[in-house]
Amino acid sequence: MAIHYQCRHCRTKLGSLSDRAADSEQLGFHSLTEDEQHKMIRYDTKGDIHVDVICEDCEQTLAENPDYHQYESFLQ
């Protein structure tokens, strides 16, 4: 089981932790609200965890275009 991080906007793969080297508390998942966890974290049939975050490029775009925050994803 692994944990995979990808940008929720551009879908760029940002990194992975193999063999679940950390539990959800060590990763900070416990500090997310239930709604945030539901939106950001998915589990696949192999037991891998997929976490949607925002990459630096998309974060910069959001900073330059604050109105984009209203969209779940501003790239298609």
N, C-alpha and C. Protein backbone atom coordinates (compact mmCIF):
# COMPACT_ATOMS: atom_id res chain seq x y z
N MET A 1 0.84 -1.18 0.00
CA MET A 1 0.00 0.00 0.00
C MET A 1 0.89 1.24 0.00
N ALA A 2 0.53 2.20 -0.83
CA ALA A 2 1.31 3.42 -0.98
C ALA A 2 0.39 4.64 -0.88
N ILE A 3 1.01 5.79 -0.68
CA ILE A 3 0.30 7.06 -0.66
C ILE A 3 0.81 7.87 -1.83
N HIS A 4 -0.11 8.33 -2.67
CA HIS A 4 0.25 9.06 -3.88
C HIS A 4 -0.34 10.48 -3.80
N TYR A 5 0.50 11.47 -4.09
CA TYR A 5 0.07 12.86 -4.09
C TYR A 5 0.04 13.37 -5.52
N GLN A 6 -1.04 14.07 -5.88
CA GLN A 6 -1.13 14.67 -7.20
C GLN A 6 -1.88 15.99 -7.08
N CYS A 7 -1.61 16.90 -8.03
CA CYS A 7 -2.28 18.19 -8.05
C CYS A 7 -3.72 18.01 -8.49
N ARG A 8 -4.63 18.60 -7.74
CA ARG A 8 -6.04 18.46 -8.08
C ARG A 8 -6.44 19.24 -9.31
N HIS A 9 -5.61 20.20 -9.74
CA HIS A 9 -5.93 21.01 -10.90
C HIS A 9 -5.29 20.47 -12.18
N CYS A 10 -3.97 20.33 -12.18
CA CYS A 10 -3.28 19.90 -13.41
C CYS A 10 -2.99 18.40 -13.44
N ARG A 11 -3.28 17.70 -12.35
CA ARG A 11 -3.11 16.24 -12.21
C ARG A 11 -1.65 15.80 -12.27
N THR A 12 -0.71 16.71 -12.09
CA THR A 12 0.70 16.36 -12.03
C THR A 12 0.96 15.47 -10.82
N LYS A 13 1.67 14.39 -11.03
CA LYS A 13 2.05 13.52 -9.92
C LYS A 13 3.17 14.20 -9.15
N LEU A 14 2.97 14.42 -7.86
CA LEU A 14 3.92 15.17 -7.05
C LEU A 14 4.83 14.28 -6.20
N GLY A 15 4.42 13.07 -5.96
CA GLY A 15 5.26 12.17 -5.19
C GLY A 15 4.47 11.04 -4.59
N SER A 16 5.19 10.06 -4.08
CA SER A 16 4.56 8.88 -3.47
C SER A 16 5.38 8.43 -2.28
N LEU A 17 4.70 7.85 -1.34
CA LEU A 17 5.34 7.17 -0.21
C LEU A 17 4.98 5.71 -0.35
N SER A 18 5.97 4.86 -0.49
CA SER A 18 5.68 3.44 -0.66
C SER A 18 5.53 2.75 0.68
N ASP A 19 4.80 1.67 0.65
CA ASP A 19 4.60 0.82 1.82
C ASP A 19 4.03 1.57 3.02
N ARG A 20 3.26 2.60 2.75
CA ARG A 20 2.60 3.36 3.83
C ARG A 20 3.55 3.61 4.98
N ALA A 21 4.60 4.31 4.70
CA ALA A 21 5.64 4.61 5.69
C ALA A 21 5.11 5.45 6.85
N ALA A 22 3.95 6.05 6.71
CA ALA A 22 3.39 6.88 7.77
C ALA A 22 1.89 6.64 7.86
N ASP A 23 1.34 6.83 9.06
CA ASP A 23 -0.10 6.68 9.21
C ASP A 23 -0.78 8.03 9.02
N SER A 24 -2.10 8.04 9.01
CA SER A 24 -2.84 9.26 8.69
C SER A 24 -2.58 10.38 9.70
N GLU A 25 -2.32 10.06 10.93
CA GLU A 25 -2.02 11.10 11.93
C GLU A 25 -0.65 11.73 11.66
N GLN A 26 0.33 10.90 11.31
CA GLN A 26 1.65 11.43 11.00
C GLN A 26 1.61 12.31 9.75
N LEU A 27 0.70 12.01 8.83
CA LEU A 27 0.57 12.78 7.59
C LEU A 27 -0.29 14.03 7.79
N GLY A 28 -0.93 14.15 8.92
CA GLY A 28 -1.75 15.32 9.21
C GLY A 28 -3.18 15.22 8.75
N PHE A 29 -3.60 14.06 8.27
CA PHE A 29 -4.97 13.90 7.79
C PHE A 29 -5.98 14.16 8.90
N HIS A 30 -5.61 13.88 10.14
CA HIS A 30 -6.53 14.06 11.27
C HIS A 30 -6.88 15.53 11.50
N SER A 31 -6.05 16.46 11.00
CA SER A 31 -6.31 17.88 11.18
C SER A 31 -7.27 18.44 10.13
N LEU A 32 -7.59 17.64 9.12
CA LEU A 32 -8.55 18.04 8.10
C LEU A 32 -9.96 17.80 8.61
N THR A 33 -10.89 18.64 8.17
CA THR A 33 -12.29 18.39 8.50
C THR A 33 -12.76 17.15 7.74
N GLU A 34 -13.88 16.64 8.12
CA GLU A 34 -14.43 15.47 7.44
C GLU A 34 -14.70 15.79 5.96
N ASP A 35 -15.20 16.99 5.71
CA ASP A 35 -15.47 17.41 4.33
C ASP A 35 -14.17 17.52 3.53
N GLU A 36 -13.12 18.09 4.12
CA GLU A 36 -11.83 18.20 3.44
C GLU A 36 -11.26 16.81 3.15
N GLN A 37 -11.36 15.91 4.11
CA GLN A 37 -10.88 14.54 3.89
C GLN A 37 -11.62 13.89 2.74
N HIS A 38 -12.93 14.09 2.71
CA HIS A 38 -13.75 13.49 1.65
C HIS A 38 -13.36 14.03 0.27
N LYS A 39 -13.04 15.33 0.19
CA LYS A 39 -12.67 15.96 -1.08
C LYS A 39 -11.25 15.63 -1.52
N MET A 40 -10.34 15.43 -0.57
CA MET A 40 -8.92 15.32 -0.89
C MET A 40 -8.36 13.90 -0.92
N ILE A 41 -8.97 12.98 -0.22
CA ILE A 41 -8.37 11.66 -0.02
C ILE A 41 -9.26 10.58 -0.62
N ARG A 42 -8.66 9.73 -1.46
CA ARG A 42 -9.37 8.59 -2.06
C ARG A 42 -8.58 7.32 -1.81
N TYR A 43 -9.27 6.23 -1.73
CA TYR A 43 -8.65 4.92 -1.54
C TYR A 43 -9.00 4.06 -2.75
N ASP A 44 -8.00 3.36 -3.30
CA ASP A 44 -8.29 2.49 -4.44
C ASP A 44 -8.44 1.05 -3.98
N THR A 45 -8.73 0.17 -4.92
CA THR A 45 -9.00 -1.23 -4.59
C THR A 45 -7.78 -1.97 -4.06
N LYS A 46 -6.57 -1.45 -4.33
CA LYS A 46 -5.34 -2.08 -3.83
C LYS A 46 -5.00 -1.61 -2.42
N GLY A 47 -5.78 -0.64 -1.92
CA GLY A 47 -5.51 -0.09 -0.61
C GLY A 47 -4.60 1.12 -0.62
N ASP A 48 -4.21 1.54 -1.83
CA ASP A 48 -3.40 2.75 -1.94
C ASP A 48 -4.25 3.98 -1.63
N ILE A 49 -3.60 5.01 -1.13
CA ILE A 49 -4.26 6.27 -0.81
C ILE A 49 -3.83 7.30 -1.85
N HIS A 50 -4.78 8.05 -2.38
CA HIS A 50 -4.51 9.10 -3.36
C HIS A 50 -4.96 10.42 -2.74
N VAL A 51 -4.02 11.37 -2.66
CA VAL A 51 -4.29 12.64 -2.01
C VAL A 51 -4.19 13.76 -3.04
N ASP A 52 -5.27 14.53 -3.17
CA ASP A 52 -5.27 15.67 -4.08
C ASP A 52 -4.81 16.91 -3.32
N VAL A 53 -3.74 17.52 -3.80
CA VAL A 53 -3.18 18.74 -3.23
C VAL A 53 -3.03 19.76 -4.37
N ILE A 54 -2.34 20.87 -4.12
CA ILE A 54 -2.13 21.86 -5.17
C ILE A 54 -0.63 22.05 -5.36
N CYS A 55 -0.17 21.92 -6.60
CA CYS A 55 1.25 22.07 -6.90
C CYS A 55 1.64 23.55 -6.87
N GLU A 56 2.93 23.82 -6.89
CA GLU A 56 3.42 25.19 -6.83
C GLU A 56 2.96 26.03 -8.02
N ASP A 57 2.96 25.45 -9.21
CA ASP A 57 2.54 26.19 -10.39
C ASP A 57 1.07 26.60 -10.30
N CYS A 58 0.22 25.69 -9.89
CA CYS A 58 -1.20 26.00 -9.76
C CYS A 58 -1.44 26.95 -8.59
N GLU A 59 -0.68 26.83 -7.53
CA GLU A 59 -0.78 27.75 -6.40
C GLU A 59 -0.45 29.16 -6.86
N GLN A 60 0.58 29.30 -7.69
CA GLN A 60 0.96 30.61 -8.24
C GLN A 60 -0.16 31.16 -9.11
N THR A 61 -0.75 30.31 -9.94
CA THR A 61 -1.87 30.74 -10.79
C THR A 61 -3.04 31.21 -9.93
N LEU A 62 -3.32 30.50 -8.85
CA LEU A 62 -4.41 30.90 -7.95
C LEU A 62 -4.10 32.24 -7.28
N ALA A 63 -2.83 32.45 -6.92
CA ALA A 63 -2.44 33.71 -6.30
C ALA A 63 -2.62 34.87 -7.28
N GLU A 64 -2.34 34.63 -8.53
CA GLU A 64 -2.47 35.67 -9.55
C GLU A 64 -3.90 35.86 -10.03
N ASN A 65 -4.74 34.86 -9.83
CA ASN A 65 -6.13 34.88 -10.28
C ASN A 65 -7.05 34.41 -9.16
N PRO A 66 -7.26 35.21 -8.12
CA PRO A 66 -8.02 34.77 -6.95
C PRO A 66 -9.43 34.29 -7.26
N ASP A 67 -10.01 34.77 -8.36
CA ASP A 67 -11.36 34.33 -8.71
C ASP A 67 -11.41 32.84 -9.07
N TYR A 68 -10.26 32.23 -9.38
CA TYR A 68 -10.22 30.80 -9.69
C TYR A 68 -10.53 29.93 -8.46
N HIS A 69 -10.44 30.48 -7.27
CA HIS A 69 -10.72 29.71 -6.06
C HIS A 69 -12.17 29.19 -6.04
N GLN A 70 -13.03 29.81 -6.80
CA GLN A 70 -14.43 29.38 -6.81
C GLN A 70 -14.64 28.04 -7.53
N TYR A 71 -13.61 27.60 -8.28
CA TYR A 71 -13.73 26.37 -9.05
C TYR A 71 -13.07 25.20 -8.35
N GLU A 72 -13.67 24.05 -8.43
CA GLU A 72 -13.07 22.82 -7.88
C GLU A 72 -11.75 22.55 -8.56
N SER A 73 -11.71 22.76 -9.87
CA SER A 73 -10.50 22.64 -10.65
C SER A 73 -10.61 23.64 -11.80
N PHE A 74 -9.60 24.48 -11.97
CA PHE A 74 -9.70 25.49 -13.02
C PHE A 74 -9.10 25.02 -14.33
N LEU A 75 -8.54 23.83 -14.39
CA LEU A 75 -8.04 23.23 -15.63
C LEU A 75 -8.88 22.01 -15.96
N GLN A 76 -9.07 21.76 -17.21
CA GLN A 76 -9.86 20.59 -17.60
C GLN A 76 -8.99 19.54 -18.20
